[in-house]
Amino acid sequence: MGGGCHPNRDTRGLLERSSLELGEVTDARIPKAPAIVRPAVVGSARRA
C-alpha cells in the first residue's frame, strides 16, 4: 500500500538541505486526502 510513500518524511527540509536550487516553494494541503498524506510541498527545484 502506498507504493513506497513515506508520509512522515520532512520533504521540505530534505529539499532545503540538498544541493538543488529551489524556486518558489510553498506548503499546501491536499483536500479530501487522508490526514497522514494531506500535507504537501508545491514548487520547483533544479540542479545547481
Protein backbone atom coordinates (compact mmCIF):
# COMPACT_ATOMS: atom_id res chain seq x y z
CA MET A 1 0.00 0.00 0.00
CA GLY A 2 1.31 3.46 -0.82
CA GLY A 3 3.92 2.33 -3.34
CA GLY A 4 6.91 3.27 -1.16
CA CYS A 5 5.41 6.53 0.08
CA HIS A 6 6.99 7.96 3.26
CA PRO A 7 4.40 10.46 4.57
CA ASN A 8 6.34 11.08 7.77
CA ARG A 9 9.40 12.33 5.86
CA ASP A 10 10.33 16.04 6.12
CA THR A 11 10.23 16.61 2.37
CA ARG A 12 10.67 20.37 2.51
CA GLY A 13 13.61 20.08 4.93
CA LEU A 14 15.28 17.47 2.72
CA LEU A 15 14.92 19.72 -0.32
CA GLU A 16 16.29 22.74 1.55
CA ARG A 17 19.35 20.76 2.71
CA SER A 18 20.01 19.26 -0.72
CA SER A 19 22.30 20.61 -3.43
CA LEU A 20 19.26 21.56 -5.53
CA GLU A 21 18.49 25.17 -6.32
CA LEU A 22 14.94 25.79 -5.15
CA GLY A 23 12.49 28.06 -6.89
CA GLU A 24 9.39 29.24 -5.08
CA VAL A 25 8.28 26.55 -2.63
CA THR A 26 5.08 26.66 -0.59
CA ASP A 27 3.40 24.36 1.86
CA ALA A 28 -0.01 23.12 0.79
CA ARG A 29 -2.70 20.69 1.84
CA ILE A 30 -4.39 18.12 -0.38
CA PRO A 31 -8.13 18.45 0.21
CA LYS A 32 -10.12 15.29 0.89
CA ALA A 33 -6.96 13.18 1.31
CA PRO A 34 -6.41 11.06 4.43
CA ALA A 35 -4.85 13.18 7.21
CA ILE A 36 -1.45 11.45 7.06
CA VAL A 37 -0.93 12.40 3.39
CA ARG A 38 -2.74 15.74 3.36
CA PRO A 39 0.34 17.98 3.86
CA ALA A 40 2.20 18.68 0.60
CA VAL A 41 5.05 20.76 -0.77
CA VAL A 42 4.47 22.57 -4.05
CA GLY A 43 7.24 24.21 -6.04
CA SER A 44 10.19 23.64 -8.29
CA ALA A 45 13.83 22.65 -7.95
CA ARG A 46 16.71 22.18 -10.34
CA ARG A 47 20.31 21.09 -10.26
CA ALA A 48 22.57 23.89 -9.09
